[in-house]
Amino acid sequence: MKKAVLSLVPGSYWNARVWRIAVPIILANVTVPLPGIVDTAVMGQLPDPAYIGAVAIGAVIFSFVVWGLGFLRMSTSGFTAQAFGAGERVEIRSALFRPVILALLLGGLVVLFQAQLGALAFWAMAGSAEVESLASVYFNIRIWASPATLLNIVFIGWLLGLQRAGLTMVLQILLNSVNVALDLLFVLGLGWGVEGVALATVLAEIVTLLAGIILIVRVLKKEATPRAGRPYFDWPRILDPEKLVRMLRVNFDIFLRTFCLLFAFAIFTSEGGRMGDLTLAANAVLLQFFAFSAFALDGFAHAAEVLVGAELGAKNRGNFRAAVKATAFWANILAGAITLIYFLFGRDIIALLSTSEDVRTTAGSFLFWAAMQPLLGVWAFLFDGIFIGTTRSAALRNAMLVSIALYLAALWLLVPLLGNHGLWLAMSLFMVFRSVTLAACYPALERSIER
């Protein structure tokens, strides 16, 4: 019995590898909410609340753009990790340049069709005429950062695939800290209002892009220097039709998976809104619990992503299993710790997030569901990382499509019976569905790896 328990605990070698990747990502994720907090704070210094609403709507629009095109980061890290594990230096470079081309193309299209995108976005978002007018100012400025934003996503994915998590942390912290500093300068210092907030984001993306290019060049010289007689830009390899088609297919599959995930949370918010403003507000507070645990568990999901991708490239099934075991062990430990904290201090956290006694009381009555999400969702995060790292995107897509269908059925059955408890139960089941459907695909993935 003792030997069986010990076999579940990863050795020091794998512990070190997992934590070396997970810790920088977790630390970088801590800075992600800061620009939004500062945006709200500096807009709150202006006399009209329409300024806060305008920036909030604008930020939501761009969060959908970034999330929707986030496949660029995921697929890049997966392909790069596999090339890194296989020791294929030419493919390591190609795994960067292919998505760079795609990011430039997509960024250019976003800028080119900004008028149509803006019209669609503001049609979907509800706001007063004044809020929409100010939000359009924000949109029309920030849209120009799209190519830089997408290139930064690719750079972060490529560095992560090379297990350079420390450098991804540097870029993420730089992006968010420059954004915050320019927010304060432009709005509080120069009084530029919504224009200042948007311009701060644009300049932060450009500064991060320039820093990213410097880091990428240095890493290329060390990790992907071509052998003598080989061109630095191997265009036939970069533009290989088979590899381009595979990249596009993987990206499209991950896009569908991400769209379904966004749709699931949009439906959750919409259903909560149908139950009244108080329930909507309470659920919004409790979703912050979910967001925090997601930021934390993302560190281990990303570690799984790059470690299993590298072992797939190296064709080492034993190390692949060891990477899965190590990331799963520590992710579950962290998930359990977060759940315990939520149960012990959840009501205190709610009190920090809302001053309304009604919202506090309502949120407290549903705290159980929010507290359970880390434990219920940890395997969904891990399997996402494993299947992204191995670029088994078809399984990822199909599992998500089955899960979203089951989630919608659960909503249809449970919400009329149990109200908001039914809504939270459906979301909990959605996390379980994601885990179970991917777990069903995992044995075939492992068998496909050569010993």
Protein backbone atom coordinates (compact mmCIF):
# COMPACT_ATOMS: atom_id res chain seq x y z
CA MET A 1 0.00 0.00 0.00
CA LYS A 2 2.79 2.39 0.97
CA LYS A 3 4.66 1.65 -2.26
CA ALA A 4 1.50 2.33 -4.30
CA VAL A 5 1.02 5.71 -2.62
CA LEU A 6 4.65 6.66 -3.17
CA SER A 7 4.37 5.73 -6.85
CA LEU A 8 1.79 8.50 -7.25
CA VAL A 9 4.28 11.13 -6.08
CA PRO A 10 6.54 12.46 -8.85
CA GLY A 11 10.31 12.45 -8.36
CA SER A 12 12.37 15.57 -7.75
CA TYR A 13 13.44 15.79 -11.42
CA TRP A 14 9.87 16.10 -12.67
CA ASN A 15 8.85 18.27 -9.73
CA ALA A 16 11.54 20.76 -10.71
CA ARG A 17 10.55 20.74 -14.39
CA VAL A 18 6.86 21.27 -13.62
CA TRP A 19 7.42 24.07 -11.12
CA ARG A 20 10.00 25.81 -13.32
CA ILE A 21 7.28 26.27 -15.94
CA ALA A 22 4.21 26.66 -13.71
CA VAL A 23 5.49 29.28 -11.26
CA PRO A 24 6.39 32.00 -13.83
CA ILE A 25 3.02 31.52 -15.54
CA ILE A 26 1.12 31.80 -12.27
CA LEU A 27 3.10 34.93 -11.32
CA ALA A 28 2.47 36.46 -14.76
CA ASN A 29 -1.24 35.67 -14.49
CA VAL A 30 -1.42 37.65 -11.25
CA THR A 31 -0.75 40.81 -13.28
CA VAL A 32 -3.45 40.10 -15.90
CA PRO A 33 -6.37 41.77 -14.03
CA LEU A 34 -4.33 44.85 -13.10
CA PRO A 35 -4.91 46.92 -16.27
CA GLY A 36 -8.67 46.33 -16.01
CA ILE A 37 -8.66 47.35 -12.34
CA VAL A 38 -6.66 50.50 -13.09
CA ASP A 39 -8.82 51.30 -16.13
CA THR A 40 -11.88 51.21 -13.89
CA ALA A 41 -10.16 53.20 -11.15
CA VAL A 42 -8.93 56.02 -13.39
CA MET A 43 -12.24 56.24 -15.24
CA GLY A 44 -13.92 56.43 -11.84
CA GLN A 45 -12.11 59.69 -11.21
CA LEU A 46 -14.00 61.31 -14.08
CA PRO A 47 -17.39 62.92 -13.36
CA ASP A 48 -19.59 60.88 -15.70
CA PRO A 49 -20.09 57.12 -15.05
CA ALA A 50 -20.45 56.69 -18.81
CA TYR A 51 -16.64 56.67 -18.99
CA ILE A 52 -16.45 53.50 -16.89
CA GLY A 53 -19.18 51.85 -18.96
CA ALA A 54 -17.46 52.78 -22.22
CA VAL A 55 -14.12 51.25 -21.22
CA ALA A 56 -15.88 48.17 -19.80
CA ILE A 57 -17.75 47.55 -23.06
CA GLY A 58 -14.63 48.19 -25.14
CA ALA A 59 -12.58 45.81 -22.98
CA VAL A 60 -15.22 43.07 -23.33
CA ILE A 61 -15.18 43.42 -27.12
CA PHE A 62 -11.41 43.05 -27.28
CA SER A 63 -11.35 40.22 -24.77
CA PHE A 64 -13.54 38.28 -27.21
CA VAL A 65 -11.12 39.09 -30.04
CA VAL A 66 -8.08 38.00 -28.02
CA TRP A 67 -9.80 34.88 -26.64
CA GLY A 68 -11.22 34.01 -30.03
CA LEU A 69 -7.80 34.23 -31.69
CA GLY A 70 -6.03 32.66 -28.72
CA PHE A 71 -5.54 29.51 -30.80
CA LEU A 72 -2.42 31.22 -32.13
CA ARG A 73 -0.77 30.86 -28.72
CA MET A 74 -1.98 27.34 -28.09
CA SER A 75 -1.09 25.77 -31.43
CA THR A 76 2.26 27.57 -31.54
CA SER A 77 3.30 26.21 -28.15
CA GLY A 78 2.18 22.69 -29.12
CA PHE A 79 4.03 22.54 -32.44
CA THR A 80 7.11 24.20 -30.94
CA ALA A 81 7.22 21.84 -27.95
CA GLN A 82 7.14 18.84 -30.28
CA ALA A 83 9.94 20.23 -32.46
CA PHE A 84 11.94 21.05 -29.33
CA GLY A 85 11.52 17.53 -27.95
CA ALA A 86 12.57 16.04 -31.29
CA GLY A 87 15.61 18.33 -31.47
CA GLU A 88 14.57 19.64 -34.91
CA ARG A 89 16.15 23.08 -35.06
CA VAL A 90 14.83 23.93 -38.52
CA GLU A 91 11.28 23.05 -37.45
CA ILE A 92 11.66 25.09 -34.26
CA ARG A 93 12.21 28.19 -36.42
CA SER A 94 9.44 27.20 -38.82
CA ALA A 95 7.05 26.71 -35.87
CA LEU A 96 7.59 30.40 -35.14
CA PHE A 97 7.49 31.89 -38.61
CA ARG A 98 4.34 30.09 -39.80
CA PRO A 99 2.09 31.53 -37.06
CA VAL A 100 3.82 34.91 -37.39
CA ILE A 101 2.62 35.03 -41.00
CA LEU A 102 -0.88 34.00 -39.89
CA ALA A 103 -0.91 36.58 -37.07
CA LEU A 104 0.08 39.37 -39.48
CA LEU A 105 -2.64 38.26 -41.90
CA LEU A 106 -5.35 38.08 -39.23
CA GLY A 107 -4.22 41.32 -37.60
CA GLY A 108 -4.33 43.06 -40.95
CA LEU A 109 -7.83 41.74 -41.62
CA VAL A 110 -9.04 42.97 -38.22
CA VAL A 111 -7.71 46.46 -38.97
CA LEU A 112 -9.03 46.40 -42.55
CA PHE A 113 -12.55 45.40 -41.51
CA GLN A 114 -12.65 47.41 -38.30
CA ALA A 115 -15.79 49.28 -39.31
CA GLN A 116 -17.75 46.07 -39.85
CA LEU A 117 -16.37 44.48 -36.67
CA GLY A 118 -17.25 47.59 -34.69
CA ALA A 119 -20.79 47.68 -36.04
CA LEU A 120 -21.30 44.01 -35.16
CA ALA A 121 -19.80 44.40 -31.70
CA PHE A 122 -21.86 47.44 -30.72
CA TRP A 123 -24.99 45.83 -32.10
CA ALA A 124 -24.40 42.91 -29.70
CA MET A 125 -23.52 45.07 -26.67
CA ALA A 126 -26.19 46.99 -24.77
CA GLY A 127 -25.36 50.54 -23.73
CA SER A 128 -26.68 54.07 -23.73
CA ALA A 129 -25.98 56.38 -26.65
CA GLU A 130 -23.35 58.22 -24.60
CA VAL A 131 -21.62 55.02 -23.49
CA GLU A 132 -21.62 53.66 -27.04
CA SER A 133 -20.20 56.91 -28.38
CA LEU A 134 -17.32 56.84 -25.91
CA ALA A 135 -16.79 53.10 -26.41
CA SER A 136 -16.48 53.63 -30.15
CA VAL A 137 -13.67 56.13 -29.49
CA TYR A 138 -11.91 53.47 -27.40
CA PHE A 139 -12.51 50.82 -30.09
CA ASN A 140 -11.28 52.99 -32.97
CA ILE A 141 -7.96 53.61 -31.22
CA ARG A 142 -7.30 50.21 -29.69
CA ILE A 143 -8.10 48.30 -32.89
CA TRP A 144 -4.76 49.45 -34.35
CA ALA A 145 -2.91 47.34 -31.79
CA SER A 146 -4.40 44.12 -33.18
CA PRO A 147 -1.37 43.01 -35.25
CA ALA A 148 0.96 43.66 -32.30
CA THR A 149 -1.40 41.85 -29.93
CA LEU A 150 -1.53 38.75 -32.12
CA LEU A 151 2.25 38.73 -32.65
CA ASN A 152 2.74 38.95 -28.89
CA ILE A 153 0.45 35.95 -28.47
CA VAL A 154 2.56 33.98 -30.97
CA PHE A 155 5.82 34.99 -29.28
CA ILE A 156 4.52 33.88 -25.88
CA GLY A 157 3.37 30.55 -27.33
CA TRP A 158 6.72 29.93 -29.03
CA LEU A 159 8.78 30.75 -25.93
CA LEU A 160 6.50 28.59 -23.82
CA GLY A 161 6.95 25.70 -26.27
CA LEU A 162 10.70 26.02 -25.72
CA GLN A 163 10.07 25.81 -21.95
CA ARG A 164 11.19 29.43 -21.54
CA ALA A 165 8.37 30.25 -19.13
CA GLY A 166 10.49 32.88 -17.41
CA LEU A 167 10.67 34.89 -20.62
CA THR A 168 6.92 34.62 -21.17
CA MET A 169 6.50 35.99 -17.64
CA VAL A 170 8.79 38.92 -18.49
CA LEU A 171 6.70 39.79 -21.56
CA GLN A 172 3.37 39.44 -19.75
CA ILE A 173 4.48 41.55 -16.78
CA LEU A 174 6.00 44.14 -19.11
CA LEU A 175 2.76 44.39 -21.08
CA ASN A 176 0.57 44.85 -18.03
CA SER A 177 2.91 47.16 -16.10
CA VAL A 178 3.46 49.49 -19.08
CA ASN A 179 -0.29 49.54 -19.64
CA VAL A 180 -0.92 50.51 -16.01
CA ALA A 181 1.82 53.18 -15.98
CA LEU A 182 0.59 54.80 -19.20
CA ASP A 183 -3.01 54.65 -17.95
CA LEU A 184 -2.04 56.72 -14.93
CA LEU A 185 0.03 59.15 -17.01
CA PHE A 186 -2.46 59.70 -19.83
CA VAL A 187 -5.67 59.84 -17.79
CA LEU A 188 -4.74 61.24 -14.38
CA GLY A 189 -1.70 63.18 -15.55
CA LEU A 190 -2.78 64.50 -18.95
CA GLY A 191 -6.57 64.17 -18.66
CA TRP A 192 -7.04 62.29 -21.92
CA GLY A 193 -10.00 60.18 -20.72
CA VAL A 194 -11.11 57.20 -22.79
CA GLU A 195 -8.60 58.08 -25.50
CA GLY A 196 -5.81 57.82 -22.94
CA VAL A 197 -6.90 54.37 -21.77
CA ALA A 198 -7.03 53.06 -25.35
CA LEU A 199 -3.72 54.64 -26.33
CA ALA A 200 -2.05 53.20 -23.22
CA THR A 201 -3.06 49.71 -24.36
CA VAL A 202 -1.84 50.29 -27.92
CA LEU A 203 1.55 51.57 -26.79
CA ALA A 204 1.92 48.79 -24.22
CA GLU A 205 1.34 46.19 -26.96
CA ILE A 206 3.92 47.88 -29.21
CA VAL A 207 6.52 48.13 -26.42
CA THR A 208 5.98 44.46 -25.59
CA LEU A 209 6.26 43.55 -29.27
CA LEU A 210 9.63 45.30 -29.55
CA ALA A 211 10.87 43.61 -26.38
CA GLY A 212 9.55 40.30 -27.68
CA ILE A 213 11.44 40.67 -30.97
CA ILE A 214 14.68 41.27 -29.03
CA LEU A 215 14.09 38.18 -26.88
CA ILE A 216 13.06 36.06 -29.86
CA VAL A 217 16.23 36.96 -31.80
CA ARG A 218 18.39 36.03 -28.81
CA VAL A 219 16.62 32.73 -28.30
CA LEU A 220 16.76 31.93 -32.02
CA LYS A 221 20.53 32.33 -31.95
CA LYS A 222 20.79 29.91 -29.04
CA GLU A 223 18.03 27.37 -29.61
CA ALA A 224 17.47 27.33 -33.35
CA THR A 225 20.72 28.31 -35.08
CA PRO A 226 20.76 26.53 -38.45
CA ARG A 227 23.57 24.18 -39.33
CA ALA A 228 26.30 25.38 -41.65
CA GLY A 229 25.12 25.68 -45.21
CA ARG A 230 21.44 25.86 -44.27
CA PRO A 231 19.48 29.11 -44.86
CA TYR A 232 18.20 30.91 -41.77
CA PHE A 233 14.74 31.28 -43.31
CA ASP A 234 13.98 27.92 -44.86
CA TRP A 235 10.98 29.16 -46.86
CA PRO A 236 10.18 25.81 -48.54
CA ARG A 237 9.93 24.31 -45.05
CA ILE A 238 8.00 27.25 -43.60
CA LEU A 239 5.53 27.27 -46.51
CA ASP A 240 5.27 23.50 -46.81
CA PRO A 241 1.60 23.03 -47.85
CA GLU A 242 1.13 19.93 -45.68
CA LYS A 243 2.42 21.69 -42.55
CA LEU A 244 0.44 24.85 -43.31
CA VAL A 245 -2.77 22.85 -43.72
CA ARG A 246 -2.11 21.01 -40.48
CA MET A 247 -1.48 24.30 -38.66
CA LEU A 248 -4.72 25.78 -40.02
CA ARG A 249 -6.70 22.66 -39.16
CA VAL A 250 -5.38 22.61 -35.59
CA ASN A 251 -6.04 26.34 -35.21
CA PHE A 252 -9.60 25.98 -36.47
CA ASP A 253 -10.29 23.09 -34.10
CA ILE A 254 -8.97 25.08 -31.14
CA PHE A 255 -10.99 28.10 -32.27
CA LEU A 256 -14.19 26.00 -32.19
CA ARG A 257 -13.27 24.67 -28.75
CA THR A 258 -12.65 28.20 -27.44
CA PHE A 259 -15.84 29.55 -28.99
CA CYS A 260 -17.85 26.83 -27.25
CA LEU A 261 -16.18 27.67 -23.94
CA LEU A 262 -17.01 31.36 -24.31
CA PHE A 263 -20.55 30.44 -25.32
CA ALA A 264 -20.96 28.30 -22.19
CA PHE A 265 -20.05 31.18 -19.89
CA ALA A 266 -22.15 33.64 -21.90
CA ILE A 267 -25.18 31.37 -21.49
CA PHE A 268 -24.42 31.03 -17.77
CA THR A 269 -24.38 34.82 -17.37
CA SER A 270 -27.50 35.25 -19.50
CA GLU A 271 -29.48 32.64 -17.53
CA GLY A 272 -28.41 34.29 -14.27
CA GLY A 273 -29.63 37.63 -15.61
CA ARG A 274 -33.06 36.14 -16.30
CA MET A 275 -33.33 35.41 -12.57
CA GLY A 276 -32.96 39.06 -11.64
CA ASP A 277 -30.30 41.68 -11.00
CA LEU A 278 -29.48 40.31 -7.55
CA THR A 279 -28.75 36.81 -8.83
CA LEU A 280 -26.80 38.26 -11.76
CA ALA A 281 -24.64 40.32 -9.38
CA ALA A 282 -24.09 37.40 -6.98
CA ASN A 283 -23.04 35.11 -9.83
CA ALA A 284 -20.68 37.80 -11.16
CA VAL A 285 -18.99 37.95 -7.75
CA LEU A 286 -18.69 34.15 -7.55
CA LEU A 287 -17.28 33.94 -11.08
CA GLN A 288 -14.29 35.88 -9.75
CA PHE A 289 -13.56 32.80 -7.62
CA PHE A 290 -13.61 30.77 -10.81
CA ALA A 291 -11.34 33.24 -12.60
CA PHE A 292 -8.75 33.21 -9.82
CA SER A 293 -8.56 29.42 -9.72
CA ALA A 294 -8.33 29.35 -13.54
CA PHE A 295 -5.32 31.70 -13.46
CA ALA A 296 -3.63 29.46 -10.89
CA LEU A 297 -4.41 26.11 -12.53
CA ASP A 298 -3.39 27.51 -15.92
CA GLY A 299 0.20 27.31 -14.72
CA PHE A 300 0.04 23.53 -14.50
CA ALA A 301 -2.05 23.21 -17.66
CA HIS A 302 0.67 25.12 -19.52
CA ALA A 303 3.35 22.96 -17.90
CA ALA A 304 1.53 19.85 -19.10
CA GLU A 305 1.21 21.41 -22.54
CA VAL A 306 4.93 21.97 -23.13
CA LEU A 307 6.26 18.93 -21.27
CA VAL A 308 4.02 16.36 -22.97
CA GLY A 309 4.56 18.08 -26.32
CA ALA A 310 8.31 17.74 -25.91
CA GLU A 311 8.06 14.06 -24.94
CA LEU A 312 5.77 13.40 -27.89
CA GLY A 313 8.42 14.95 -30.12
CA ALA A 314 11.08 12.80 -28.44
CA LYS A 315 8.79 9.75 -28.86
CA ASN A 316 9.32 8.77 -25.22
CA ARG A 317 6.17 7.21 -23.75
CA GLY A 318 7.69 6.71 -20.32
CA ASN A 319 8.62 10.36 -19.94
CA PHE A 320 5.25 11.35 -21.39
CA ARG A 321 3.52 9.43 -18.58
CA ALA A 322 5.88 10.95 -16.03
CA ALA A 323 5.07 14.47 -17.26
CA VAL A 324 1.34 13.79 -17.05
CA LYS A 325 1.67 12.31 -13.57
CA ALA A 326 3.76 15.21 -12.24
CA THR A 327 1.52 17.97 -13.57
CA ALA A 328 -1.62 16.12 -12.46
CA PHE A 329 -0.24 15.58 -8.95
CA TRP A 330 0.60 19.22 -8.31
CA ALA A 331 -2.47 20.59 -10.09
CA ASN A 332 -4.73 18.48 -7.89
CA ILE A 333 -2.85 19.55 -4.76
CA LEU A 334 -3.30 23.21 -5.75
CA ALA A 335 -6.97 22.69 -6.67
CA GLY A 336 -7.63 21.10 -3.29
CA ALA A 337 -5.86 23.94 -1.49
CA ILE A 338 -7.86 26.60 -3.35
CA THR A 339 -11.12 24.80 -2.63
CA LEU A 340 -10.25 24.62 1.07
CA ILE A 341 -9.44 28.36 1.12
CA TYR A 342 -12.75 29.14 -0.55
CA PHE A 343 -14.69 27.12 2.01
CA LEU A 344 -12.83 28.68 4.94
CA PHE A 345 -12.65 32.28 3.75
CA GLY A 346 -15.19 32.48 0.93
CA ARG A 347 -17.60 34.78 2.75
CA ASP A 348 -14.76 37.14 3.65
CA ILE A 349 -13.71 37.24 -0.02
CA ILE A 350 -17.30 37.96 -1.05
CA ALA A 351 -17.36 40.86 1.43
CA LEU A 352 -14.27 42.32 -0.25
CA LEU A 353 -15.85 42.03 -3.70
CA SER A 354 -19.22 43.62 -2.86
CA THR A 355 -20.45 46.18 -0.36
CA SER A 356 -24.12 45.26 -0.88
CA GLU A 357 -25.52 43.14 1.95
CA ASP A 358 -28.10 41.62 -0.39
CA VAL A 359 -25.43 40.60 -2.89
CA ARG A 360 -23.23 39.23 -0.09
CA THR A 361 -26.07 37.15 1.33
CA THR A 362 -27.15 35.81 -2.07
CA ALA A 363 -23.59 35.00 -3.13
CA GLY A 364 -23.00 33.26 0.19
CA SER A 365 -25.94 30.94 -0.40
CA PHE A 366 -24.29 29.69 -3.62
CA LEU A 367 -20.69 29.71 -2.31
CA PHE A 368 -20.54 25.89 -2.24
CA TRP A 369 -20.70 25.69 -6.03
CA ALA A 370 -17.97 28.29 -6.60
CA ALA A 371 -15.74 26.65 -3.99
CA MET A 372 -16.04 23.25 -5.69
CA GLN A 373 -15.06 24.48 -9.16
CA PRO A 374 -11.26 24.08 -8.75
CA LEU A 375 -11.62 20.39 -7.83
CA LEU A 376 -14.30 19.76 -10.45
CA GLY A 377 -12.41 21.56 -13.21
CA VAL A 378 -8.79 20.64 -12.58
CA TRP A 379 -8.80 17.67 -14.96
CA ALA A 380 -10.49 19.73 -17.68
CA PHE A 381 -7.61 22.21 -17.46
CA LEU A 382 -5.00 19.46 -17.47
CA PHE A 383 -6.47 17.53 -20.37
CA ASP A 384 -6.76 20.77 -22.35
CA GLY A 385 -3.04 21.27 -21.83
CA ILE A 386 -2.19 17.68 -22.73
CA PHE A 387 -4.22 17.64 -25.94
CA ILE A 388 -3.05 21.12 -26.99
CA GLY A 389 0.59 20.19 -26.36
CA THR A 390 0.22 17.09 -28.52
CA THR A 391 -1.84 19.06 -31.09
CA ARG A 392 -4.59 16.41 -30.96
CA SER A 393 -7.06 19.15 -31.75
CA ALA A 394 -9.76 16.96 -33.30
CA ALA A 395 -10.24 15.13 -29.98
CA LEU A 396 -10.25 18.47 -28.17
CA ARG A 397 -12.90 19.83 -30.54
CA ASN A 398 -15.10 16.75 -30.46
CA ALA A 399 -14.94 16.47 -26.67
CA MET A 400 -15.98 20.10 -26.33
CA LEU A 401 -18.88 19.71 -28.77
CA VAL A 402 -20.20 16.73 -26.79
CA SER A 403 -19.68 18.59 -23.50
CA ILE A 404 -21.48 21.74 -24.64
CA ALA A 405 -24.43 19.66 -25.89
CA LEU A 406 -24.69 17.87 -22.54
CA TYR A 407 -24.32 21.22 -20.73
CA LEU A 408 -27.24 22.73 -22.67
CA ALA A 409 -29.34 19.66 -21.87
CA ALA A 410 -28.42 20.01 -18.19
CA LEU A 411 -29.45 23.67 -18.24
CA TRP A 412 -32.78 22.80 -19.85
CA LEU A 413 -33.50 20.18 -17.19
CA LEU A 414 -32.02 21.69 -14.02
CA VAL A 415 -32.64 25.45 -14.17
CA PRO A 416 -36.48 25.18 -14.17
CA LEU A 417 -36.28 22.72 -11.26
CA LEU A 418 -33.56 24.26 -9.07
CA GLY A 419 -33.17 27.86 -10.23
CA ASN A 420 -29.69 29.28 -9.66
CA HIS A 421 -28.59 26.09 -7.88
CA GLY A 422 -29.50 24.27 -11.08
CA LEU A 423 -27.50 26.79 -13.09
CA TRP A 424 -24.40 26.21 -10.96
CA LEU A 425 -24.95 22.44 -11.03
CA ALA A 426 -25.09 22.56 -14.84
CA MET A 427 -21.81 24.51 -14.94
CA SER A 428 -20.24 21.99 -12.55
CA LEU A 429 -21.40 19.14 -14.77
CA PHE A 430 -19.96 20.95 -17.78
CA MET A 431 -16.52 20.83 -16.15
CA VAL A 432 -16.99 17.13 -15.42
CA PHE A 433 -18.20 16.46 -18.98
CA ARG A 434 -15.07 18.14 -20.36
CA SER A 435 -12.86 15.98 -18.15
CA VAL A 436 -14.63 12.71 -18.87
CA THR A 437 -14.84 13.14 -22.65
CA LEU A 438 -11.11 13.95 -22.89
CA ALA A 439 -10.22 11.17 -20.45
CA ALA A 440 -11.95 8.77 -22.83
CA CYS A 441 -9.61 9.92 -25.62
CA TYR A 442 -6.44 9.83 -23.51
CA PRO A 443 -5.55 6.09 -23.73
CA ALA A 444 -5.43 6.23 -27.53
CA LEU A 445 -3.21 9.32 -27.32
CA GLU A 446 -0.77 7.55 -25.02
CA ARG A 447 -0.72 4.40 -27.18
CA SER A 448 0.15 6.51 -30.23
CA ILE A 449 3.48 7.55 -28.70
CA GLU A 450 6.42 5.31 -29.55
CA ARG A 451 8.26 3.84 -26.61
